[in-house]
C-alpha atoms as a PDB file:
ATOM      1  CA  MET A   1      16.164   0.599   6.321  1.00  0.00           C
ATOM      2  CA  ASN A   2      18.254   3.486   5.172  1.00  0.00           C
ATOM      3  CA  ASP A   3      18.627   6.756   7.082  1.00  0.00           C
ATOM      4  CA  ASN A   4      15.940   8.512   5.029  1.00  0.00           C
ATOM      5  CA  ASN A   5      13.396   5.757   5.707  1.00  0.00           C
ATOM      6  CA  ASN A   6      14.292   5.810   9.406  1.00  0.00           C
ATOM      7  CA  TYR A   7      13.815   9.563   9.494  1.00  0.00           C
ATOM      8  CA  ASN A   8      10.479   9.332   7.656  1.00  0.00           C
ATOM      9  CA  GLU A   9       9.281   6.702  10.133  1.00  0.00           C
ATOM     10  CA  PHE A  10      10.465   8.877  13.032  1.00  0.00           C
ATOM     11  CA  SER A  11       8.605  11.834  11.491  1.00  0.00           C
ATOM     12  CA  LYS A  12       5.367   9.855  11.221  1.00  0.00           C
ATOM     13  CA  LYS A  13       5.609   8.573  14.809  1.00  0.00           C
ATOM     14  CA  ARG A  14       6.308  12.082  16.047  1.00  0.00           C
ATOM     15  CA  LEU A  15       3.239  13.442  14.253  1.00  0.00           C
ATOM     16  CA  LEU A  16       1.062  10.585  15.533  1.00  0.00           C
ATOM     17  CA  ASN A  17       2.221  11.202  19.117  1.00  0.00           C
ATOM     18  CA  ASN A  18       1.611  14.949  18.862  1.00  0.00           C
ATOM     19  CA  ILE A  19      -1.856  14.456  17.405  1.00  0.00           C
ATOM     20  CA  GLU A  20      -2.732  11.935  20.120  1.00  0.00           C
ATOM     21  CA  LYS A  21      -1.675  14.406  22.839  1.00  0.00           C
ATOM     22  CA  LYS A  22      -3.714  17.174  21.243  1.00  0.00           C
ATOM     23  CA  PHE A  23      -6.815  14.970  20.855  1.00  0.00           C
ATOM     24  CA  ASN A  24      -6.564  13.830  24.467  1.00  0.00           C
ATOM     25  CA  THR A  25      -5.975  17.351  25.764  1.00  0.00           C
ATOM     26  CA  THR A  26      -8.973  18.617  23.813  1.00  0.00           C
ATOM     27  CA  ILE A  27     -11.296  15.839  24.966  1.00  0.00           C
ATOM     28  CA  ILE A  28     -10.232  15.743  28.617  1.00  0.00           C
ATOM     29  CA  GLY A  29      -9.923  19.528  28.844  1.00  0.00           C
ATOM     30  CA  SER A  30     -13.420  19.969  27.441  1.00  0.00           C
ATOM     31  CA  LEU A  31     -14.878  17.473  29.877  1.00  0.00           C
ATOM     32  CA  ALA A  32     -13.056  19.146  32.770  1.00  0.00           C
ATOM     33  CA  ALA A  33     -14.374  22.572  31.751  1.00  0.00           C
ATOM     34  CA  PHE A  34     -17.901  21.213  31.585  1.00  0.00           C
ATOM     35  CA  GLU A  35     -17.534  19.556  35.007  1.00  0.00           C
ATOM     36  CA  GLU A  36     -16.105  22.780  36.453  1.00  0.00           C
ATOM     37  CA  GLU A  37     -19.039  24.876  35.264  1.00  0.00           C
ATOM     38  CA  PHE A  38     -21.938  22.421  35.597  1.00  0.00           C
ATOM     39  CA  GLY A  39     -20.658  19.778  38.028  1.00  0.00           C
ATOM     40  CA  PHE A  40     -22.632  21.297  40.879  1.00  0.00           C
ATOM     41  CA  LEU A  41     -25.729  19.827  39.218  1.00  0.00           C
ATOM     42  CA  TRP A  42     -24.591  16.255  39.900  1.00  0.00           C
ATOM     43  CA  GLY A  43     -22.505  16.956  42.997  1.00  0.00           C
ATOM     44  CA  HIS A  44     -19.126  16.785  41.271  1.00  0.00           C
ATOM     45  CA  GLY A  45     -16.501  16.039  43.931  1.00  0.00           C
ATOM     46  CA  ILE A  46     -19.069  14.927  46.493  1.00  0.00           C
ATOM     47  CA  PRO A  47     -19.177  11.236  47.528  1.00  0.00           C
ATOM     48  CA  TYR A  48     -22.085   9.352  45.964  1.00  0.00           C
ATOM     49  CA  ASN A  49     -23.640   8.487  49.340  1.00  0.00           C
ATOM     50  CA  GLN A  50     -23.972  12.216  50.124  1.00  0.00           C
ATOM     51  CA  LEU A  51     -25.920  13.098  46.961  1.00  0.00           C
ATOM     52  CA  ASP A  52     -29.628  13.801  46.894  1.00  0.00           C
ATOM     53  CA  GLU A  53     -31.908  11.936  44.489  1.00  0.00           C
ATOM     54  CA  ASP A  54     -31.744  14.597  41.746  1.00  0.00           C
ATOM     55  CA  GLN A  55     -27.930  14.733  41.888  1.00  0.00           C
ATOM     56  CA  ARG A  56     -27.732  10.936  41.653  1.00  0.00           C
ATOM     57  CA  GLU A  57     -29.936  10.927  38.572  1.00  0.00           C
ATOM     58  CA  LEU A  58     -27.961  13.750  36.941  1.00  0.00           C
ATOM     59  CA  ARG A  59     -24.649  12.047  37.790  1.00  0.00           C
ATOM     60  CA  SER A  60     -25.862   8.908  36.051  1.00  0.00           C
ATOM     61  CA  ILE A  61     -26.795  10.934  32.960  1.00  0.00           C
ATOM     62  CA  TRP A  62     -23.438  12.760  33.045  1.00  0.00           C
ATOM     63  CA  LYS A  63     -21.505   9.498  33.312  1.00  0.00           C
ATOM     64  CA  ASN A  64     -23.299   8.198  30.204  1.00  0.00           C
ATOM     65  CA  VAL A  65     -22.671  11.408  28.238  1.00  0.00           C
ATOM     66  CA  ARG A  66     -19.027  11.531  29.385  1.00  0.00           C
ATOM     67  CA  THR A  67     -18.504   7.926  28.244  1.00  0.00           C
ATOM     68  CA  ARG A  68     -20.040   8.689  24.845  1.00  0.00           C
ATOM     69  CA  ILE A  69     -17.800  11.764  24.421  1.00  0.00           C
ATOM     70  CA  LEU A  70     -14.686   9.760  25.343  1.00  0.00           C
ATOM     71  CA  ASP A  71     -15.660   6.897  23.034  1.00  0.00           C
ATOM     72  CA  LEU A  72     -16.301   9.270  20.130  1.00  0.00           C
ATOM     73  CA  GLY A  73     -13.029  11.119  20.704  1.00  0.00           C
ATOM     74  CA  ASN A  74     -11.047   7.880  20.911  1.00  0.00           C
ATOM     75  CA  SER A  75     -12.753   6.540  17.793  1.00  0.00           C
ATOM     76  CA  ASN A  76     -11.878   9.695  15.851  1.00  0.00           C
ATOM     77  CA  LEU A  77      -8.311   9.583  17.167  1.00  0.00           C
ATOM     78  CA  ARG A  78      -7.911   6.013  15.898  1.00  0.00           C
ATOM     79  CA  GLY A  79      -9.433   7.019  12.550  1.00  0.00           C
ATOM     80  CA  SER A  80      -6.993   9.915  12.258  1.00  0.00           C
ATOM     81  CA  GLN A  81      -4.074   7.660  13.129  1.00  0.00           C
ATOM     82  CA  SER A  82      -5.173   5.158  10.474  1.00  0.00           C
ATOM     83  CA  GLU A  83      -5.419   7.922   7.906  1.00  0.00           C
ATOM     84  CA  ILE A  84      -1.948   9.248   8.719  1.00  0.00           C
ATOM     85  CA  ALA A  85      -0.510   5.726   8.530  1.00  0.00           C
ATOM     86  CA  GLN A  86      -1.326   5.738   4.811  1.00  0.00           C
ATOM     87  CA  TYR A  87       1.006   8.679   4.146  1.00  0.00           C
ATOM     88  CA  THR A  88       4.731   9.059   3.781  1.00  0.00           C
ATOM     89  CA  MET A  89       5.958  12.074   5.632  1.00  0.00           C
ATOM     90  CA  HIS A  90       9.084  13.948   6.421  1.00  0.00           C
ATOM     91  CA  TRP A  91       9.318  16.439   9.284  1.00  0.00           C
ATOM     92  CA  ASN A  92      10.964  19.607   8.048  1.00  0.00           C
ATOM     93  CA  ARG A  93      11.987  20.565  11.570  1.00  0.00           C
ATOM     94  CA  TYR A  94      12.787  24.209  11.791  1.00  0.00           C
ATOM     95  CA  VAL A  95      13.745  25.265   8.306  1.00  0.00           C
ATOM     96  CA  MET A  96      15.115  28.701   7.539  1.00  0.00           C
ATOM     97  CA  ASN A  97      15.825  29.724   3.977  1.00  0.00           C
ATOM     98  CA  PHE A  98      18.281  32.532   3.456  1.00  0.00           C
ATOM     99  CA  LYS A  99      18.465  34.522   0.272  1.00  0.00           C
ATOM    100  CA  LEU A 100      21.955  35.256  -0.957  1.00  0.00           C
ATOM    101  CA  PHE A 101      22.785  38.489  -2.708  1.00  0.00           C
ATOM    102  CA  ASN A 102      25.869  39.409  -4.673  1.00  0.00           C
ATOM    103  CA  LYS A 103      27.812  42.663  -4.281  1.00  0.00           C
ATOM    104  CA  ASP A 104      25.348  44.425  -6.636  1.00  0.00           C
ATOM    105  CA  ASN A 105      22.474  43.485  -4.319  1.00  0.00           C
ATOM    106  CA  GLU A 106      21.089  41.014  -6.854  1.00  0.00           C
ATOM    107  CA  GLU A 107      19.562  37.816  -5.623  1.00  0.00           C
ATOM    108  CA  GLN A 108      21.573  34.730  -6.519  1.00  0.00           C
END
């Protein structure tokens, strides 16, 4: 592979890694926020053997919903990665374009 192809492959891998981090942060962060606000309903942080009957039932429901959310997020992440794999890309890094002017203040 030449340098340009290597750089394009590096660019694609970088994008895929960044998207994966963002997907995971969004999914896990959302679940954590939900647990923080509503976890008291199913005794979040309390050992299972200390839960009452209602909390045990709600914890079971939450575990099912949480699994479905994680599965859906992971499925969409894989779909996004597959879509990106079909593209050729080149990371522009941090590009700055400067305009040059001559002594008469005319753009060159």
